[in-house]
Amino acid sequence: MDAFIKDLIAYWPQILAGLKNTALLMVIMSVTGLSGGIGIFYLTLSKHKIVRTWTEAYISFFIGTPLLVHLFLLYYGLPELGISLSSLTVAVVGFTLNVSAYNARYLTTAYNGLDKTELEAARAQGFTQTETFRLIILPQVLRLSVPSLTNQVIQNLKDTSVAFLIQFPDFFAQMQEIASVNFQFFKVYMTAGLVYLALVSIIVLAARRLEKHVALPGFQT
C-alpha cells in the first residue's frame, strides 16, 4: 500500500490534469448536448413530415448504437477520408451527437405530457410556431425534464471514461497509465471507481437541489 500511495503522489500532477480534462469534457458535452437536444426536439415538432422522419431517424440511430462506435468512426475512420481531428474535438463531437439524441427524447417525452389546450389557445391568439415553442413549450418541458436531464449529466461524467480509447488524456487514462507501471490493477481501478463515485455524488446533490427548486407545486420529483 505504501508503494501504491507513493505512485499516486508521484503521478499527482498527471492525475490532476486528467481530472481537469474529465470535468472539461463533461461540462462541454452537457452544454452542447442540451443545446443540440433542444434543437432536435424542435425539429420533431416540424409541420413537415420529412423533417420529422429524418429527425426521428437521427434519434433512433444515436440511441440505438454504441457511443464507442461513434468515437471510433470519427477518430480512426475519418483519417481514411483525409480528415484528422484531435482527440478533444472527436470527443466533443461524438458525445454531443449522442447526448443530443438522448436529451431530445427526454424533452419529447415531457412534451407528450403537456396540456395541448394551452398550445391551441396560443395558436388562436396568433402565436407563431417559434413563439409557441420558445415561450410556452420549451419552458415547461425543460422544467418537467429536469430529473432526466440531470441524470444524463451524471451519465456524461461516467461516459468520459471511454474517451481514453481515442487517446484523450482524461482521469481514467492517467489511472490506466499508473496501472500499466505498477501492475496494481485492483488498487488503481478501485481508487478510480471511488473518485468517480465522489464526483457523481456531488452532481447528485446539486441535481436534487435543482429538482426541488424547479418542482411544480403539487408534483413530486
C-alpha atoms as a PDB file:
ATOM      1  CA  MET A   1       0.000   0.000   0.000  1.00  0.00           C
ATOM      2  CA  ASP A   2       2.863   2.387   0.781  1.00  0.00           C
ATOM      3  CA  ALA A   3       4.282   1.853  -2.696  1.00  0.00           C
ATOM      4  CA  PHE A   4       0.865   2.442  -4.240  1.00  0.00           C
ATOM      5  CA  ILE A   5       0.410   5.720  -2.349  1.00  0.00           C
ATOM      6  CA  LYS A   6       3.874   6.818  -3.447  1.00  0.00           C
ATOM      7  CA  ASP A   7       2.888   6.134  -7.058  1.00  0.00           C
ATOM      8  CA  LEU A   8      -0.245   8.249  -6.641  1.00  0.00           C
ATOM      9  CA  ILE A   9       1.808  11.094  -5.210  1.00  0.00           C
ATOM     10  CA  ALA A  10       4.373  10.804  -7.999  1.00  0.00           C
ATOM     11  CA  TYR A  11       1.655  10.882 -10.656  1.00  0.00           C
ATOM     12  CA  TRP A  12      -0.449  13.515  -8.893  1.00  0.00           C
ATOM     13  CA  PRO A  13       0.219  16.297 -11.465  1.00  0.00           C
ATOM     14  CA  GLN A  14      -0.926  13.983 -14.292  1.00  0.00           C
ATOM     15  CA  ILE A  15      -3.908  12.774 -12.265  1.00  0.00           C
ATOM     16  CA  LEU A  16      -4.967  16.342 -11.522  1.00  0.00           C
ATOM     17  CA  ALA A  17      -4.616  17.279 -15.193  1.00  0.00           C
ATOM     18  CA  GLY A  18      -6.699  14.231 -16.090  1.00  0.00           C
ATOM     19  CA  LEU A  19      -9.414  15.249 -13.638  1.00  0.00           C
ATOM     20  CA  LYS A  20      -9.497  18.717 -15.175  1.00  0.00           C
ATOM     21  CA  ASN A  21      -9.836  17.219 -18.659  1.00  0.00           C
ATOM     22  CA  THR A  22     -12.618  14.922 -17.466  1.00  0.00           C
ATOM     23  CA  ALA A  23     -14.506  17.834 -15.907  1.00  0.00           C
ATOM     24  CA  LEU A  24     -13.955  19.965 -19.019  1.00  0.00           C
ATOM     25  CA  LEU A  25     -15.283  17.267 -21.324  1.00  0.00           C
ATOM     26  CA  MET A  26     -18.292  16.600 -19.097  1.00  0.00           C
ATOM     27  CA  VAL A  27     -19.229  20.287 -18.937  1.00  0.00           C
ATOM     28  CA  ILE A  28     -18.789  20.828 -22.666  1.00  0.00           C
ATOM     29  CA  MET A  29     -20.784  17.763 -23.684  1.00  0.00           C
ATOM     30  CA  SER A  30     -23.528  18.584 -21.170  1.00  0.00           C
ATOM     31  CA  VAL A  31     -23.927  22.117 -22.528  1.00  0.00           C
ATOM     32  CA  THR A  32     -23.644  21.226 -26.209  1.00  0.00           C
ATOM     33  CA  GLY A  33     -25.760  18.107 -25.687  1.00  0.00           C
ATOM     34  CA  LEU A  34     -28.543  20.128 -24.095  1.00  0.00           C
ATOM     35  CA  SER A  35     -28.389  22.785 -26.817  1.00  0.00           C
ATOM     36  CA  GLY A  36     -28.387  20.119 -29.509  1.00  0.00           C
ATOM     37  CA  GLY A  37     -31.200  18.255 -27.785  1.00  0.00           C
ATOM     38  CA  ILE A  38     -33.368  21.374 -27.764  1.00  0.00           C
ATOM     39  CA  GLY A  39     -32.688  21.927 -31.464  1.00  0.00           C
ATOM     40  CA  ILE A  40     -33.502  18.330 -32.358  1.00  0.00           C
ATOM     41  CA  PHE A  41     -36.629  18.392 -30.186  1.00  0.00           C
ATOM     42  CA  TYR A  42     -37.777  21.488 -32.072  1.00  0.00           C
ATOM     43  CA  LEU A  43     -37.382  19.630 -35.356  1.00  0.00           C
ATOM     44  CA  THR A  44     -39.561  16.781 -34.068  1.00  0.00           C
ATOM     45  CA  LEU A  45     -42.414  19.301 -33.920  1.00  0.00           C
ATOM     46  CA  SER A  46     -41.959  20.431 -37.520  1.00  0.00           C
ATOM     47  CA  LYS A  47     -45.022  20.638 -39.751  1.00  0.00           C
ATOM     48  CA  HIS A  48     -43.060  18.854 -42.476  1.00  0.00           C
ATOM     49  CA  LYS A  49     -43.260  15.084 -42.295  1.00  0.00           C
ATOM     50  CA  ILE A  50     -39.886  14.542 -43.967  1.00  0.00           C
ATOM     51  CA  VAL A  51     -38.174  16.689 -41.325  1.00  0.00           C
ATOM     52  CA  ARG A  52     -39.861  14.756 -38.526  1.00  0.00           C
ATOM     53  CA  THR A  53     -38.958  11.451 -40.162  1.00  0.00           C
ATOM     54  CA  TRP A  54     -35.267  12.280 -40.543  1.00  0.00           C
ATOM     55  CA  THR A  55     -35.149  13.701 -37.028  1.00  0.00           C
ATOM     56  CA  GLU A  56     -36.622  10.521 -35.569  1.00  0.00           C
ATOM     57  CA  ALA A  57     -34.132   8.508 -37.618  1.00  0.00           C
ATOM     58  CA  TYR A  58     -31.282  10.561 -36.132  1.00  0.00           C
ATOM     59  CA  ILE A  59     -32.536   9.993 -32.588  1.00  0.00           C
ATOM     60  CA  SER A  60     -33.058   6.283 -33.146  1.00  0.00           C
ATOM     61  CA  PHE A  61     -29.614   5.871 -34.710  1.00  0.00           C
ATOM     62  CA  PHE A  62     -27.638   7.515 -31.917  1.00  0.00           C
ATOM     63  CA  ILE A  63     -29.696   5.952 -29.135  1.00  0.00           C
ATOM     64  CA  GLY A  64     -29.557   2.538 -30.767  1.00  0.00           C
ATOM     65  CA  THR A  65     -25.821   2.375 -31.486  1.00  0.00           C
ATOM     66  CA  PRO A  66     -22.886   2.297 -29.017  1.00  0.00           C
ATOM     67  CA  LEU A  67     -21.170   5.572 -28.186  1.00  0.00           C
ATOM     68  CA  LEU A  68     -17.789   3.916 -28.642  1.00  0.00           C
ATOM     69  CA  VAL A  69     -18.616   3.149 -32.278  1.00  0.00           C
ATOM     70  CA  HIS A  70     -19.272   6.835 -32.923  1.00  0.00           C
ATOM     71  CA  LEU A  71     -15.973   7.830 -31.338  1.00  0.00           C
ATOM     72  CA  PHE A  72     -14.003   5.217 -33.280  1.00  0.00           C
ATOM     73  CA  LEU A  73     -15.658   6.211 -36.562  1.00  0.00           C
ATOM     74  CA  LEU A  74     -14.641   9.838 -36.005  1.00  0.00           C
ATOM     75  CA  TYR A  75     -11.150   9.209 -34.629  1.00  0.00           C
ATOM     76  CA  TYR A  76      -9.983   6.185 -36.612  1.00  0.00           C
ATOM     77  CA  GLY A  77     -12.369   6.222 -39.577  1.00  0.00           C
ATOM     78  CA  LEU A  78     -12.239   9.843 -40.749  1.00  0.00           C
ATOM     79  CA  PRO A  79      -8.435   9.822 -41.322  1.00  0.00           C
ATOM     80  CA  GLU A  80      -9.060   7.299 -44.103  1.00  0.00           C
ATOM     81  CA  LEU A  81     -11.065  10.062 -45.798  1.00  0.00           C
ATOM     82  CA  GLY A  82      -8.300  12.589 -45.218  1.00  0.00           C
ATOM     83  CA  ILE A  83      -9.910  14.195 -42.166  1.00  0.00           C
ATOM     84  CA  SER A  84      -7.908  14.142 -38.940  1.00  0.00           C
ATOM     85  CA  LEU A  85      -9.311  15.613 -35.746  1.00  0.00           C
ATOM     86  CA  SER A  86      -7.806  15.976 -32.297  1.00  0.00           C
ATOM     87  CA  SER A  87      -8.977  13.620 -29.571  1.00  0.00           C
ATOM     88  CA  LEU A  88     -10.732  16.501 -27.775  1.00  0.00           C
ATOM     89  CA  THR A  89     -12.589  17.528 -30.927  1.00  0.00           C
ATOM     90  CA  VAL A  90     -13.644  13.949 -31.616  1.00  0.00           C
ATOM     91  CA  ALA A  91     -14.778  13.502 -28.018  1.00  0.00           C
ATOM     92  CA  VAL A  92     -16.817  16.711 -28.057  1.00  0.00           C
ATOM     93  CA  VAL A  93     -18.429  15.989 -31.433  1.00  0.00           C
ATOM     94  CA  GLY A  94     -19.072  12.320 -30.710  1.00  0.00           C
ATOM     95  CA  PHE A  95     -20.511  12.893 -27.271  1.00  0.00           C
ATOM     96  CA  THR A  96     -22.591  15.862 -28.429  1.00  0.00           C
ATOM     97  CA  LEU A  97     -24.229  13.870 -31.220  1.00  0.00           C
ATOM     98  CA  ASN A  98     -25.024  11.072 -28.789  1.00  0.00           C
ATOM     99  CA  VAL A  99     -26.168  13.157 -25.822  1.00  0.00           C
ATOM    100  CA  SER A 100     -28.298  15.419 -28.035  1.00  0.00           C
ATOM    101  CA  ALA A 101     -30.325  12.415 -29.159  1.00  0.00           C
ATOM    102  CA  TYR A 102     -31.000  11.312 -25.583  1.00  0.00           C
ATOM    103  CA  ASN A 103     -31.906  14.817 -24.425  1.00  0.00           C
ATOM    104  CA  ALA A 104     -34.245  15.274 -27.379  1.00  0.00           C
ATOM    105  CA  ARG A 105     -36.013  12.058 -26.374  1.00  0.00           C
ATOM    106  CA  TYR A 106     -36.404  13.271 -22.784  1.00  0.00           C
ATOM    107  CA  LEU A 107     -37.879  16.564 -23.970  1.00  0.00           C
ATOM    108  CA  THR A 108     -40.229  14.796 -26.367  1.00  0.00           C
ATOM    109  CA  THR A 109     -41.486  12.577 -23.574  1.00  0.00           C
ATOM    110  CA  ALA A 110     -42.184  15.629 -21.414  1.00  0.00           C
ATOM    111  CA  TYR A 111     -43.921  17.347 -24.341  1.00  0.00           C
ATOM    112  CA  ASN A 112     -46.285  14.414 -24.761  1.00  0.00           C
ATOM    113  CA  GLY A 113     -47.472  15.051 -21.217  1.00  0.00           C
ATOM    114  CA  LEU A 114     -48.353  18.719 -21.749  1.00  0.00           C
ATOM    115  CA  ASP A 115     -51.907  20.013 -21.836  1.00  0.00           C
ATOM    116  CA  LYS A 116     -52.419  20.587 -25.560  1.00  0.00           C
ATOM    117  CA  THR A 117     -55.319  23.005 -24.988  1.00  0.00           C
ATOM    118  CA  GLU A 118     -52.764  25.586 -23.845  1.00  0.00           C
ATOM    119  CA  LEU A 119     -50.940  25.228 -27.146  1.00  0.00           C
ATOM    120  CA  GLU A 120     -54.177  25.528 -29.101  1.00  0.00           C
ATOM    121  CA  ALA A 121     -55.005  28.705 -27.163  1.00  0.00           C
ATOM    122  CA  ALA A 122     -51.601  30.149 -28.080  1.00  0.00           C
ATOM    123  CA  ARG A 123     -52.182  29.457 -31.764  1.00  0.00           C
ATOM    124  CA  ALA A 124     -55.636  31.005 -31.514  1.00  0.00           C
ATOM    125  CA  GLN A 125     -54.010  34.148 -30.112  1.00  0.00           C
ATOM    126  CA  GLY A 126     -51.827  34.390 -33.208  1.00  0.00           C
ATOM    127  CA  PHE A 127     -48.580  32.977 -31.787  1.00  0.00           C
ATOM    128  CA  THR A 128     -46.229  31.668 -34.435  1.00  0.00           C
ATOM    129  CA  GLN A 129     -44.797  28.166 -34.147  1.00  0.00           C
ATOM    130  CA  THR A 130     -41.470  29.563 -32.994  1.00  0.00           C
ATOM    131  CA  GLU A 131     -43.095  31.826 -30.402  1.00  0.00           C
ATOM    132  CA  THR A 132     -45.222  28.970 -29.092  1.00  0.00           C
ATOM    133  CA  PHE A 133     -42.138  26.791 -28.787  1.00  0.00           C
ATOM    134  CA  ARG A 134     -39.955  29.437 -27.148  1.00  0.00           C
ATOM    135  CA  LEU A 135     -42.492  30.937 -24.753  1.00  0.00           C
ATOM    136  CA  ILE A 136     -44.777  28.033 -23.858  1.00  0.00           C
ATOM    137  CA  ILE A 137     -43.442  24.620 -24.840  1.00  0.00           C
ATOM    138  CA  LEU A 138     -39.732  24.873 -24.042  1.00  0.00           C
ATOM    139  CA  PRO A 139     -40.001  26.350 -20.509  1.00  0.00           C
ATOM    140  CA  GLN A 140     -42.452  23.643 -19.483  1.00  0.00           C
ATOM    141  CA  VAL A 141     -40.673  20.654 -20.997  1.00  0.00           C
ATOM    142  CA  LEU A 142     -37.335  21.773 -19.553  1.00  0.00           C
ATOM    143  CA  ARG A 143     -38.880  22.009 -16.122  1.00  0.00           C
ATOM    144  CA  LEU A 144     -40.547  18.620 -16.395  1.00  0.00           C
ATOM    145  CA  SER A 145     -37.365  17.040 -17.785  1.00  0.00           C
ATOM    146  CA  VAL A 146     -35.008  18.205 -15.037  1.00  0.00           C
ATOM    147  CA  PRO A 147     -34.708  14.746 -13.395  1.00  0.00           C
ATOM    148  CA  SER A 148     -33.924  13.086 -16.735  1.00  0.00           C
ATOM    149  CA  LEU A 149     -31.557  15.833 -17.862  1.00  0.00           C
ATOM    150  CA  THR A 150     -29.613  15.820 -14.591  1.00  0.00           C
ATOM    151  CA  ASN A 151     -29.350  12.030 -14.743  1.00  0.00           C
ATOM    152  CA  GLN A 152     -27.914  12.474 -18.232  1.00  0.00           C
ATOM    153  CA  VAL A 153     -25.248  14.800 -16.818  1.00  0.00           C
ATOM    154  CA  ILE A 154     -24.295  12.037 -14.383  1.00  0.00           C
ATOM    155  CA  GLN A 155     -24.142   9.591 -17.266  1.00  0.00           C
ATOM    156  CA  ASN A 156     -21.982  12.075 -19.185  1.00  0.00           C
ATOM    157  CA  LEU A 157     -19.433  12.057 -16.386  1.00  0.00           C
ATOM    158  CA  LYS A 158     -19.258   8.279 -16.349  1.00  0.00           C
ATOM    159  CA  ASP A 159     -19.084   8.080 -20.133  1.00  0.00           C
ATOM    160  CA  THR A 160     -15.989  10.280 -20.234  1.00  0.00           C
ATOM    161  CA  SER A 161     -14.052   7.229 -19.071  1.00  0.00           C
ATOM    162  CA  VAL A 162     -14.233   5.716 -22.574  1.00  0.00           C
ATOM    163  CA  ALA A 163     -12.523   8.753 -24.120  1.00  0.00           C
ATOM    164  CA  PHE A 164      -9.105   7.340 -23.209  1.00  0.00           C
ATOM    165  CA  LEU A 165      -9.648   4.805 -26.016  1.00  0.00           C
ATOM    166  CA  ILE A 166      -9.234   7.651 -28.506  1.00  0.00           C
ATOM    167  CA  GLN A 167      -6.087   8.914 -26.750  1.00  0.00           C
ATOM    168  CA  PHE A 168      -7.853  11.647 -24.768  1.00  0.00           C
ATOM    169  CA  PRO A 169      -5.811  12.302 -21.586  1.00  0.00           C
ATOM    170  CA  ASP A 170      -8.653  12.163 -19.102  1.00  0.00           C
ATOM    171  CA  PHE A 171      -8.594  10.983 -15.490  1.00  0.00           C
ATOM    172  CA  PHE A 172      -9.107   7.317 -16.351  1.00  0.00           C
ATOM    173  CA  ALA A 173      -6.287   7.450 -18.895  1.00  0.00           C
ATOM    174  CA  GLN A 174      -3.907   8.656 -16.184  1.00  0.00           C
ATOM    175  CA  MET A 175      -5.034   5.909 -13.802  1.00  0.00           C
ATOM    176  CA  GLN A 176      -4.588   3.389 -16.601  1.00  0.00           C
ATOM    177  CA  GLU A 177      -1.018   4.594 -17.029  1.00  0.00           C
ATOM    178  CA  ILE A 178      -0.322   4.084 -13.326  1.00  0.00           C
ATOM    179  CA  ALA A 179      -1.720   0.557 -13.536  1.00  0.00           C
ATOM    180  CA  SER A 180       0.496  -0.237 -16.506  1.00  0.00           C
ATOM    181  CA  VAL A 181       3.561   0.821 -14.495  1.00  0.00           C
ATOM    182  CA  ASN A 182       2.983  -0.730 -11.075  1.00  0.00           C
ATOM    183  CA  PHE A 183       0.622  -3.579 -12.108  1.00  0.00           C
ATOM    184  CA  GLN A 184      -1.541  -2.977  -9.029  1.00  0.00           C
ATOM    185  CA  PHE A 185      -4.692  -3.116 -11.117  1.00  0.00           C
ATOM    186  CA  PHE A 186      -7.152  -3.778  -8.303  1.00  0.00           C
ATOM    187  CA  LYS A 187      -5.977  -0.835  -6.209  1.00  0.00           C
ATOM    188  CA  VAL A 188      -5.772   1.517  -9.190  1.00  0.00           C
ATOM    189  CA  TYR A 189      -9.211   0.720 -10.554  1.00  0.00           C
ATOM    190  CA  MET A 190     -10.786   0.698  -7.103  1.00  0.00           C
ATOM    191  CA  THR A 191      -9.332   4.155  -6.478  1.00  0.00           C
ATOM    192  CA  ALA A 192     -10.613   5.347  -9.843  1.00  0.00           C
ATOM    193  CA  GLY A 193     -14.067   3.985  -9.039  1.00  0.00           C
ATOM    194  CA  LEU A 194     -14.145   5.780  -5.690  1.00  0.00           C
ATOM    195  CA  VAL A 195     -13.144   9.058  -7.323  1.00  0.00           C
ATOM    196  CA  TYR A 196     -15.913   8.722  -9.905  1.00  0.00           C
ATOM    197  CA  LEU A 197     -18.356   7.868  -7.105  1.00  0.00           C
ATOM    198  CA  ALA A 198     -17.354  11.022  -5.217  1.00  0.00           C
ATOM    199  CA  LEU A 199     -17.799  13.174  -8.337  1.00  0.00           C
ATOM    200  CA  VAL A 200     -21.164  11.602  -9.121  1.00  0.00           C
ATOM    201  CA  SER A 201     -22.294  12.156  -5.521  1.00  0.00           C
ATOM    202  CA  ILE A 202     -21.528  15.874  -5.835  1.00  0.00           C
ATOM    203  CA  ILE A 203     -23.563  16.096  -9.044  1.00  0.00           C
ATOM    204  CA  VAL A 204     -26.438  14.131  -7.466  1.00  0.00           C
ATOM    205  CA  LEU A 205     -26.619  16.520  -4.526  1.00  0.00           C
ATOM    206  CA  ALA A 206     -26.625  19.541  -6.850  1.00  0.00           C
ATOM    207  CA  ALA A 207     -29.224  17.863  -9.091  1.00  0.00           C
ATOM    208  CA  ARG A 208     -31.577  17.129  -6.210  1.00  0.00           C
ATOM    209  CA  ARG A 209     -31.413  20.733  -5.059  1.00  0.00           C
ATOM    210  CA  LEU A 210     -32.170  21.901  -8.588  1.00  0.00           C
ATOM    211  CA  GLU A 211     -35.107  19.489  -8.863  1.00  0.00           C
ATOM    212  CA  LYS A 212     -36.605  20.802  -5.627  1.00  0.00           C
ATOM    213  CA  HIS A 213     -36.105  24.381  -6.798  1.00  0.00           C
ATOM    214  CA  VAL A 214     -37.937  23.919 -10.095  1.00  0.00           C
ATOM    215  CA  ALA A 215     -40.533  21.407  -8.884  1.00  0.00           C
ATOM    216  CA  LEU A 216     -44.083  22.251  -9.859  1.00  0.00           C
ATOM    217  CA  PRO A 217     -46.452  22.745  -6.873  1.00  0.00           C
ATOM    218  CA  GLY A 218     -48.287  19.517  -6.132  1.00  0.00           C
ATOM    219  CA  PHE A 219     -45.778  17.350  -8.032  1.00  0.00           C
ATOM    220  CA  GLN A 220     -43.099  15.102  -6.573  1.00  0.00           C
ATOM    221  CA  THR A 221     -39.709  14.847  -8.295  1.00  0.00           C
END
